[in-house]
């Protein structure tokens, strides 16, 4: 277990500097959420996926990746 701990400490951790909150507040604007309340007159998708039109393209790319392993991106078919 000493070897595992030594690897973790030397290869997977890094020193970071955490700035003061005042500096963060000055750099990042105040977050004002625009989609907090669901409005039936203005529906929206809350999933991480795309629309149903885009989904067929994703399925095609997944299928191509299984059949022909390689580098596939959304713009390449």
Protein backbone atom coordinates (compact mmCIF):
# COMPACT_ATOMS: atom_id res chain seq x y z
CA UNK A 1 0.00 0.00 0.00
CA UNK A 2 2.96 2.34 0.47
CA UNK A 3 3.69 2.10 -3.29
CA UNK A 4 0.14 3.03 -4.21
CA UNK A 5 0.15 5.97 -1.81
CA UNK A 6 3.54 7.15 -3.12
CA UNK A 7 2.32 7.04 -6.73
CA UNK A 8 -0.83 8.94 -5.81
CA UNK A 9 1.06 11.68 -4.01
CA UNK A 10 3.82 12.10 -6.62
CA UNK A 11 1.92 11.62 -9.90
CA UNK A 12 -1.70 12.56 -9.42
CA UNK A 13 -1.76 15.56 -7.09
CA UNK A 14 -0.76 19.15 -7.66
CA UNK A 15 -0.39 22.26 -5.54
CA UNK A 16 -3.03 24.87 -6.27
CA UNK A 17 -3.47 28.43 -5.16
CA UNK A 18 -6.97 29.29 -3.99
CA UNK A 19 -7.61 33.00 -4.52
CA UNK A 20 -9.38 35.20 -2.00
CA UNK A 21 -13.16 35.43 -2.41
CA UNK A 22 -12.95 39.18 -3.12
CA UNK A 23 -10.68 38.54 -6.11
CA UNK A 24 -13.01 35.81 -7.41
CA UNK A 25 -16.04 38.08 -7.05
CA UNK A 26 -14.20 40.81 -8.97
CA UNK A 27 -13.22 38.40 -11.79
CA UNK A 28 -16.45 36.39 -12.19
CA UNK A 29 -19.78 38.21 -12.56
CA UNK A 30 -22.67 37.41 -10.25
CA UNK A 31 -24.61 34.38 -11.49
CA UNK A 32 -28.19 35.26 -12.39
CA UNK A 33 -30.03 32.08 -13.40
CA UNK A 34 -32.49 32.59 -16.24
CA UNK A 35 -34.12 29.15 -16.26
CA UNK A 36 -35.01 28.57 -12.63
CA UNK A 37 -38.76 28.25 -13.09
CA UNK A 38 -40.32 25.98 -15.68
CA UNK A 39 -42.79 27.91 -17.80
CA UNK A 40 -45.41 25.90 -19.77
CA UNK A 41 -45.67 28.78 -22.28
CA UNK A 42 -41.92 28.61 -22.91
CA UNK A 43 -40.92 24.90 -22.85
CA UNK A 44 -37.27 23.86 -22.87
CA UNK A 45 -35.19 20.70 -22.84
CA UNK A 46 -33.25 20.07 -19.65
CA UNK A 47 -31.39 16.93 -20.69
CA UNK A 48 -27.74 16.65 -21.57
CA UNK A 49 -28.52 15.18 -24.98
CA UNK A 50 -29.48 16.88 -28.18
CA UNK A 51 -32.80 17.15 -29.93
CA UNK A 52 -34.47 14.16 -31.53
CA UNK A 53 -33.25 15.41 -34.93
CA UNK A 54 -29.63 15.38 -33.72
CA UNK A 55 -30.00 12.01 -32.00
CA UNK A 56 -30.08 10.07 -35.28
CA UNK A 57 -26.70 11.58 -36.20
CA UNK A 58 -25.25 10.55 -32.82
CA UNK A 59 -26.54 7.02 -33.27
CA UNK A 60 -24.99 6.90 -36.76
CA UNK A 61 -21.62 8.02 -35.41
CA UNK A 62 -21.77 5.45 -32.58
CA UNK A 63 -22.54 2.73 -35.11
CA UNK A 64 -19.67 3.82 -37.38
CA UNK A 65 -17.29 3.84 -34.42
CA UNK A 66 -18.20 0.24 -33.62
CA UNK A 67 -17.95 -0.94 -37.22
CA UNK A 68 -14.82 1.05 -38.16
CA UNK A 69 -12.81 2.15 -35.16
CA UNK A 70 -11.20 5.53 -35.77
CA UNK A 71 -11.56 9.19 -35.00
CA UNK A 72 -15.15 10.29 -35.61
CA UNK A 73 -16.53 13.71 -34.74
CA UNK A 74 -19.93 15.32 -35.25
CA UNK A 75 -18.71 17.13 -38.39
CA UNK A 76 -17.24 14.04 -40.05
CA UNK A 77 -19.43 11.37 -41.64
